[in-house]
Amino acid sequence: MAQIDPTTDTLVGEWLSLPDVADQLGIPAGRVKQLLRDRKLLAVNRPEGPLAVPAAFLDGNQIVKGLCGTLTLLRDCGFDEVEALRWLFTADESLPGTPIDAIAKHRATEVNRRAQALAF
């Protein structure tokens, strides 16, 4: 897992430990690790903390709808974990808000179009 810098850590804001993710999703901790291996979620090592997942990636007891596809697209476009986090949590006036906010509001298709455009 990638180590993030303090700026990206602050940009993301709220984080959840892997046990907290498991509790919120109502699944065993081993299943969270499988979600990470399957690249359905993204976790990083924080500057002064444990491996963590952005809290914005969860909506109640599920992963934000559309996030998995966007994470796959960003990886396919050559983004590493830290670059993907920066992009997802950086405000974009044309959305408005951040890409992760737009995904949470069921606008993943528009976010994915923008991510694809970055690859070309």
N, C-alpha and C. Protein backbone atom coordinates (compact mmCIF):
# COMPACT_ATOMS: atom_id res chain seq x y z
N MET A 1 0.84 -1.18 0.00
CA MET A 1 0.00 0.00 0.00
C MET A 1 0.89 1.24 0.00
N ALA A 2 0.39 2.28 -0.62
CA ALA A 2 1.14 3.53 -0.75
C ALA A 2 1.13 4.31 0.56
N GLN A 3 2.19 5.08 0.76
CA GLN A 3 2.28 6.01 1.89
C GLN A 3 1.90 7.38 1.34
N ILE A 4 0.96 8.06 1.99
CA ILE A 4 0.57 9.36 1.50
C ILE A 4 1.26 10.47 2.25
N ASP A 5 1.28 11.63 1.63
CA ASP A 5 1.89 12.81 2.22
C ASP A 5 0.86 13.54 3.08
N PRO A 6 1.32 14.43 3.97
CA PRO A 6 0.39 15.16 4.84
C PRO A 6 -0.64 15.99 4.07
N THR A 7 -0.27 16.54 2.92
CA THR A 7 -1.20 17.36 2.14
C THR A 7 -2.38 16.52 1.65
N THR A 8 -2.09 15.34 1.11
CA THR A 8 -3.15 14.46 0.64
C THR A 8 -3.97 13.95 1.81
N ASP A 9 -3.33 13.68 2.92
CA ASP A 9 -4.03 13.23 4.12
C ASP A 9 -5.07 14.27 4.54
N THR A 10 -4.68 15.54 4.52
CA THR A 10 -5.58 16.63 4.89
C THR A 10 -6.67 16.80 3.85
N LEU A 11 -6.32 16.67 2.58
CA LEU A 11 -7.29 16.81 1.50
C LEU A 11 -8.43 15.82 1.64
N VAL A 12 -8.10 14.58 1.98
CA VAL A 12 -9.12 13.54 2.14
C VAL A 12 -9.98 13.81 3.36
N GLY A 13 -9.35 14.20 4.45
CA GLY A 13 -10.11 14.53 5.67
C GLY A 13 -10.34 13.33 6.56
N GLU A 14 -11.55 12.79 6.53
CA GLU A 14 -11.92 11.72 7.45
C GLU A 14 -11.52 10.36 6.90
N TRP A 15 -10.93 9.56 7.79
CA TRP A 15 -10.43 8.22 7.42
C TRP A 15 -11.06 7.18 8.32
N LEU A 16 -11.09 5.95 7.80
CA LEU A 16 -11.56 4.81 8.59
C LEU A 16 -10.49 3.73 8.59
N SER A 17 -10.26 3.14 9.75
CA SER A 17 -9.34 2.00 9.82
C SER A 17 -10.02 0.80 9.15
N LEU A 18 -9.26 -0.22 8.84
CA LEU A 18 -9.85 -1.40 8.21
C LEU A 18 -10.89 -2.07 9.11
N PRO A 19 -10.64 -2.18 10.45
CA PRO A 19 -11.69 -2.73 11.31
C PRO A 19 -12.97 -1.87 11.31
N ASP A 20 -12.80 -0.54 11.22
CA ASP A 20 -13.97 0.34 11.16
C ASP A 20 -14.75 0.14 9.86
N VAL A 21 -14.03 -0.05 8.76
CA VAL A 21 -14.69 -0.33 7.48
C VAL A 21 -15.47 -1.63 7.58
N ALA A 22 -14.85 -2.65 8.15
CA ALA A 22 -15.53 -3.94 8.31
C ALA A 22 -16.80 -3.78 9.14
N ASP A 23 -16.70 -3.05 10.24
CA ASP A 23 -17.88 -2.83 11.10
C ASP A 23 -18.99 -2.10 10.34
N GLN A 24 -18.61 -1.04 9.62
CA GLN A 24 -19.61 -0.24 8.91
C GLN A 24 -20.28 -1.04 7.79
N LEU A 25 -19.51 -1.86 7.10
CA LEU A 25 -20.07 -2.66 6.02
C LEU A 25 -20.74 -3.94 6.53
N GLY A 26 -20.48 -4.28 7.79
CA GLY A 26 -21.07 -5.50 8.37
C GLY A 26 -20.46 -6.77 7.81
N ILE A 27 -19.14 -6.72 7.55
CA ILE A 27 -18.44 -7.88 6.98
C ILE A 27 -17.20 -8.18 7.82
N PRO A 28 -16.64 -9.36 7.70
CA PRO A 28 -15.41 -9.68 8.42
C PRO A 28 -14.23 -8.86 7.89
N ALA A 29 -13.25 -8.64 8.74
CA ALA A 29 -12.06 -7.87 8.36
C ALA A 29 -11.36 -8.49 7.16
N GLY A 30 -11.35 -9.81 7.08
CA GLY A 30 -10.73 -10.49 5.95
C GLY A 30 -11.39 -10.14 4.62
N ARG A 31 -12.68 -9.89 4.66
CA ARG A 31 -13.41 -9.51 3.44
C ARG A 31 -12.99 -8.10 2.99
N VAL A 32 -12.70 -7.21 3.94
CA VAL A 32 -12.22 -5.87 3.59
C VAL A 32 -10.89 -5.99 2.87
N LYS A 33 -10.02 -6.84 3.36
CA LYS A 33 -8.73 -7.04 2.71
C LYS A 33 -8.92 -7.61 1.30
N GLN A 34 -9.91 -8.46 1.12
CA GLN A 34 -10.22 -8.99 -0.21
C GLN A 34 -10.71 -7.88 -1.13
N LEU A 35 -11.54 -6.97 -0.61
CA LEU A 35 -12.00 -5.83 -1.41
C LEU A 35 -10.82 -4.97 -1.86
N LEU A 36 -9.82 -4.84 -1.01
CA LEU A 36 -8.62 -4.08 -1.36
C LEU A 36 -7.82 -4.81 -2.44
N ARG A 37 -7.66 -6.13 -2.28
CA ARG A 37 -6.93 -6.92 -3.28
C ARG A 37 -7.65 -6.90 -4.63
N ASP A 38 -8.98 -6.93 -4.58
CA ASP A 38 -9.79 -6.91 -5.80
C ASP A 38 -9.91 -5.49 -6.38
N ARG A 39 -9.34 -4.54 -5.68
CA ARG A 39 -9.34 -3.12 -6.10
C ARG A 39 -10.74 -2.52 -6.16
N LYS A 40 -11.60 -2.98 -5.25
CA LYS A 40 -12.93 -2.41 -5.11
C LYS A 40 -12.91 -1.22 -4.15
N LEU A 41 -11.88 -1.19 -3.32
CA LEU A 41 -11.62 -0.09 -2.39
C LEU A 41 -10.16 0.27 -2.50
N LEU A 42 -9.83 1.43 -1.98
CA LEU A 42 -8.45 1.90 -1.98
C LEU A 42 -8.08 2.27 -0.54
N ALA A 43 -6.95 1.79 -0.08
CA ALA A 43 -6.44 2.11 1.25
C ALA A 43 -4.98 2.53 1.12
N VAL A 44 -4.56 3.41 2.00
CA VAL A 44 -3.17 3.87 2.01
C VAL A 44 -2.68 3.94 3.44
N ASN A 45 -1.37 3.98 3.57
CA ASN A 45 -0.76 4.21 4.87
C ASN A 45 -0.70 5.71 5.09
N ARG A 46 -1.28 6.15 6.17
CA ARG A 46 -1.29 7.58 6.50
C ARG A 46 0.04 7.98 7.11
N PRO A 47 0.37 9.29 7.08
CA PRO A 47 1.67 9.74 7.59
C PRO A 47 1.96 9.28 9.02
N GLU A 48 0.97 9.40 9.89
CA GLU A 48 1.19 8.99 11.28
C GLU A 48 0.05 8.12 11.75
N GLY A 49 -0.30 7.16 10.94
CA GLY A 49 -1.41 6.32 11.31
C GLY A 49 -1.38 5.01 10.56
N PRO A 50 -2.36 4.19 10.84
CA PRO A 50 -2.43 2.87 10.21
C PRO A 50 -2.99 2.94 8.80
N LEU A 51 -3.04 1.79 8.15
CA LEU A 51 -3.68 1.65 6.86
C LEU A 51 -5.12 2.10 7.00
N ALA A 52 -5.59 2.95 6.06
CA ALA A 52 -6.93 3.52 6.20
C ALA A 52 -7.59 3.74 4.85
N VAL A 53 -8.91 3.80 4.89
CA VAL A 53 -9.76 4.03 3.72
C VAL A 53 -10.48 5.38 3.94
N PRO A 54 -10.59 6.21 2.91
CA PRO A 54 -11.36 7.45 3.07
C PRO A 54 -12.80 7.15 3.46
N ALA A 55 -13.29 7.85 4.48
CA ALA A 55 -14.67 7.63 4.93
C ALA A 55 -15.67 7.95 3.83
N ALA A 56 -15.33 8.86 2.93
CA ALA A 56 -16.23 9.25 1.83
C ALA A 56 -16.48 8.11 0.85
N PHE A 57 -15.70 7.04 0.92
CA PHE A 57 -15.87 5.90 0.03
C PHE A 57 -17.04 5.01 0.46
N LEU A 58 -17.56 5.24 1.66
CA LEU A 58 -18.67 4.43 2.16
C LEU A 58 -19.92 5.28 2.29
N ASP A 59 -21.04 4.67 1.96
CA ASP A 59 -22.34 5.30 2.09
C ASP A 59 -23.18 4.38 2.97
N GLY A 60 -23.22 4.72 4.26
CA GLY A 60 -23.91 3.83 5.19
C GLY A 60 -23.20 2.50 5.28
N ASN A 61 -23.91 1.43 4.95
CA ASN A 61 -23.32 0.09 5.06
C ASN A 61 -22.92 -0.48 3.70
N GLN A 62 -22.57 0.41 2.77
CA GLN A 62 -22.11 -0.07 1.46
C GLN A 62 -21.07 0.88 0.88
N ILE A 63 -20.37 0.37 -0.13
CA ILE A 63 -19.41 1.19 -0.86
C ILE A 63 -20.20 2.12 -1.77
N VAL A 64 -19.76 3.37 -1.89
CA VAL A 64 -20.45 4.34 -2.73
C VAL A 64 -20.62 3.75 -4.14
N LYS A 65 -21.86 3.77 -4.62
CA LYS A 65 -22.17 3.22 -5.93
C LYS A 65 -21.39 3.98 -7.01
N GLY A 66 -20.70 3.24 -7.85
CA GLY A 66 -19.92 3.84 -8.93
C GLY A 66 -18.45 4.00 -8.61
N LEU A 67 -18.09 3.91 -7.33
CA LEU A 67 -16.70 4.12 -6.94
C LEU A 67 -15.78 3.04 -7.52
N CYS A 68 -16.20 1.80 -7.46
CA CYS A 68 -15.34 0.70 -7.93
C CYS A 68 -14.94 0.90 -9.39
N GLY A 69 -15.90 1.27 -10.22
CA GLY A 69 -15.62 1.50 -11.63
C GLY A 69 -14.67 2.67 -11.84
N THR A 70 -14.86 3.72 -11.07
CA THR A 70 -13.98 4.89 -11.18
C THR A 70 -12.56 4.54 -10.74
N LEU A 71 -12.43 3.77 -9.66
CA LEU A 71 -11.09 3.36 -9.22
C LEU A 71 -10.40 2.53 -10.30
N THR A 72 -11.13 1.63 -10.92
CA THR A 72 -10.56 0.81 -12.01
C THR A 72 -10.13 1.70 -13.16
N LEU A 73 -10.97 2.64 -13.54
CA LEU A 73 -10.65 3.56 -14.63
C LEU A 73 -9.40 4.38 -14.32
N LEU A 74 -9.31 4.90 -13.11
CA LEU A 74 -8.13 5.69 -12.74
C LEU A 74 -6.87 4.84 -12.80
N ARG A 75 -6.94 3.60 -12.33
CA ARG A 75 -5.77 2.71 -12.42
C ARG A 75 -5.41 2.44 -13.87
N ASP A 76 -6.42 2.20 -14.69
CA ASP A 76 -6.17 1.95 -16.11
C ASP A 76 -5.56 3.17 -16.80
N CYS A 77 -5.85 4.35 -16.29
CA CYS A 77 -5.30 5.59 -16.85
C CYS A 77 -3.89 5.87 -16.31
N GLY A 78 -3.38 5.00 -15.44
CA GLY A 78 -2.02 5.15 -14.93
C GLY A 78 -1.89 5.85 -13.59
N PHE A 79 -3.00 6.12 -12.93
CA PHE A 79 -2.95 6.77 -11.61
C PHE A 79 -2.51 5.76 -10.56
N ASP A 80 -1.61 6.16 -9.68
CA ASP A 80 -1.32 5.33 -8.51
C ASP A 80 -2.32 5.69 -7.42
N GLU A 81 -2.22 5.06 -6.25
CA GLU A 81 -3.20 5.29 -5.19
C GLU A 81 -3.24 6.74 -4.74
N VAL A 82 -2.08 7.35 -4.57
CA VAL A 82 -2.03 8.73 -4.08
C VAL A 82 -2.57 9.69 -5.13
N GLU A 83 -2.21 9.49 -6.37
CA GLU A 83 -2.73 10.35 -7.44
C GLU A 83 -4.25 10.22 -7.56
N ALA A 84 -4.75 9.01 -7.43
CA ALA A 84 -6.19 8.79 -7.48
C ALA A 84 -6.90 9.52 -6.35
N LEU A 85 -6.34 9.44 -5.14
CA LEU A 85 -6.94 10.14 -4.01
C LEU A 85 -6.94 11.64 -4.24
N ARG A 86 -5.81 12.17 -4.67
CA ARG A 86 -5.74 13.62 -4.93
C ARG A 86 -6.79 14.04 -5.94
N TRP A 87 -6.92 13.27 -7.02
CA TRP A 87 -7.88 13.62 -8.05
C TRP A 87 -9.31 13.53 -7.53
N LEU A 88 -9.63 12.47 -6.81
CA LEU A 88 -10.98 12.27 -6.29
C LEU A 88 -11.39 13.33 -5.27
N PHE A 89 -10.43 13.86 -4.54
CA PHE A 89 -10.76 14.79 -3.45
C PHE A 89 -10.39 16.25 -3.74
N THR A 90 -10.01 16.55 -4.97
CA THR A 90 -9.70 17.93 -5.35
C THR A 90 -10.93 18.54 -6.00
N ALA A 91 -11.31 19.73 -5.53
CA ALA A 91 -12.49 20.40 -6.05
C ALA A 91 -12.38 20.66 -7.55
N ASP A 92 -13.50 20.48 -8.22
CA ASP A 92 -13.61 20.74 -9.65
C ASP A 92 -14.85 21.62 -9.84
N GLU A 93 -14.62 22.88 -10.19
CA GLU A 93 -15.71 23.84 -10.31
C GLU A 93 -16.78 23.41 -11.29
N SER A 94 -16.42 22.64 -12.30
CA SER A 94 -17.39 22.25 -13.32
C SER A 94 -18.31 21.11 -12.86
N LEU A 95 -18.04 20.50 -11.72
CA LEU A 95 -18.91 19.40 -11.29
C LEU A 95 -20.17 19.87 -10.55
N PRO A 96 -20.28 20.71 -9.66
CA PRO A 96 -19.32 21.33 -8.74
C PRO A 96 -18.97 20.38 -7.60
N GLY A 97 -17.99 20.78 -6.84
CA GLY A 97 -17.52 19.95 -5.73
C GLY A 97 -16.35 19.10 -6.17
N THR A 98 -16.17 17.99 -5.50
CA THR A 98 -15.08 17.08 -5.83
C THR A 98 -15.63 15.89 -6.61
N PRO A 99 -14.76 15.18 -7.34
CA PRO A 99 -15.24 13.98 -8.03
C PRO A 99 -15.91 12.97 -7.09
N ILE A 100 -15.37 12.77 -5.88
CA ILE A 100 -15.99 11.80 -4.97
C ILE A 100 -17.38 12.27 -4.54
N ASP A 101 -17.56 13.58 -4.39
CA ASP A 101 -18.90 14.10 -4.08
C ASP A 101 -19.87 13.79 -5.22
N ALA A 102 -19.40 14.00 -6.45
CA ALA A 102 -20.25 13.74 -7.62
C ALA A 102 -20.60 12.25 -7.72
N ILE A 103 -19.63 11.38 -7.45
CA ILE A 103 -19.90 9.94 -7.49
C ILE A 103 -20.96 9.59 -6.45
N ALA A 104 -20.83 10.15 -5.26
CA ALA A 104 -21.79 9.89 -4.19
C ALA A 104 -23.19 10.38 -4.55
N LYS A 105 -23.25 11.38 -5.45
CA LYS A 105 -24.55 11.91 -5.89
C LYS A 105 -25.00 11.24 -7.20
N HIS A 106 -24.45 10.07 -7.47
CA HIS A 106 -24.84 9.24 -8.62
C HIS A 106 -24.51 9.90 -9.95
N ARG A 107 -23.36 10.58 -9.99
CA ARG A 107 -22.90 11.21 -11.23
C ARG A 107 -21.57 10.61 -11.66
N ALA A 108 -21.40 9.31 -11.44
CA ALA A 108 -20.14 8.64 -11.74
C ALA A 108 -19.82 8.66 -13.23
N THR A 109 -20.83 8.63 -14.08
CA THR A 109 -20.58 8.62 -15.52
C THR A 109 -19.84 9.89 -15.94
N GLU A 110 -20.28 11.03 -15.44
CA GLU A 110 -19.60 12.29 -15.76
C GLU A 110 -18.18 12.31 -15.19
N VAL A 111 -18.01 11.82 -13.99
CA VAL A 111 -16.68 11.75 -13.38
C VAL A 111 -15.78 10.84 -14.21
N ASN A 112 -16.29 9.71 -14.65
CA ASN A 112 -15.49 8.77 -15.44
C ASN A 112 -15.09 9.38 -16.78
N ARG A 113 -15.96 10.18 -17.38
CA ARG A 113 -15.60 10.86 -18.64
C ARG A 113 -14.40 11.77 -18.42
N ARG A 114 -14.43 12.49 -17.32
CA ARG A 114 -13.33 13.41 -17.03
C ARG A 114 -12.03 12.66 -16.74
N ALA A 115 -12.15 11.54 -16.04
CA ALA A 115 -10.95 10.73 -15.76
C ALA A 115 -10.36 10.18 -17.05
N GLN A 116 -11.20 9.71 -17.94
CA GLN A 116 -10.72 9.18 -19.21
C GLN A 116 -10.02 10.26 -20.03
N ALA A 117 -10.54 11.47 -20.00
CA ALA A 117 -9.93 12.57 -20.76
C ALA A 117 -8.52 12.87 -20.26
N LEU A 118 -8.26 12.62 -19.00
CA LEU A 118 -6.92 12.87 -18.45
C LEU A 118 -5.88 11.90 -19.02
N ALA A 119 -6.33 10.75 -19.46
CA ALA A 119 -5.40 9.73 -19.97
C ALA A 119 -4.92 10.02 -21.37
N PHE A 120 -5.58 10.95 -22.05
CA PHE A 120 -5.23 11.22 -23.45
C PHE A 120 -4.57 12.57 -23.62
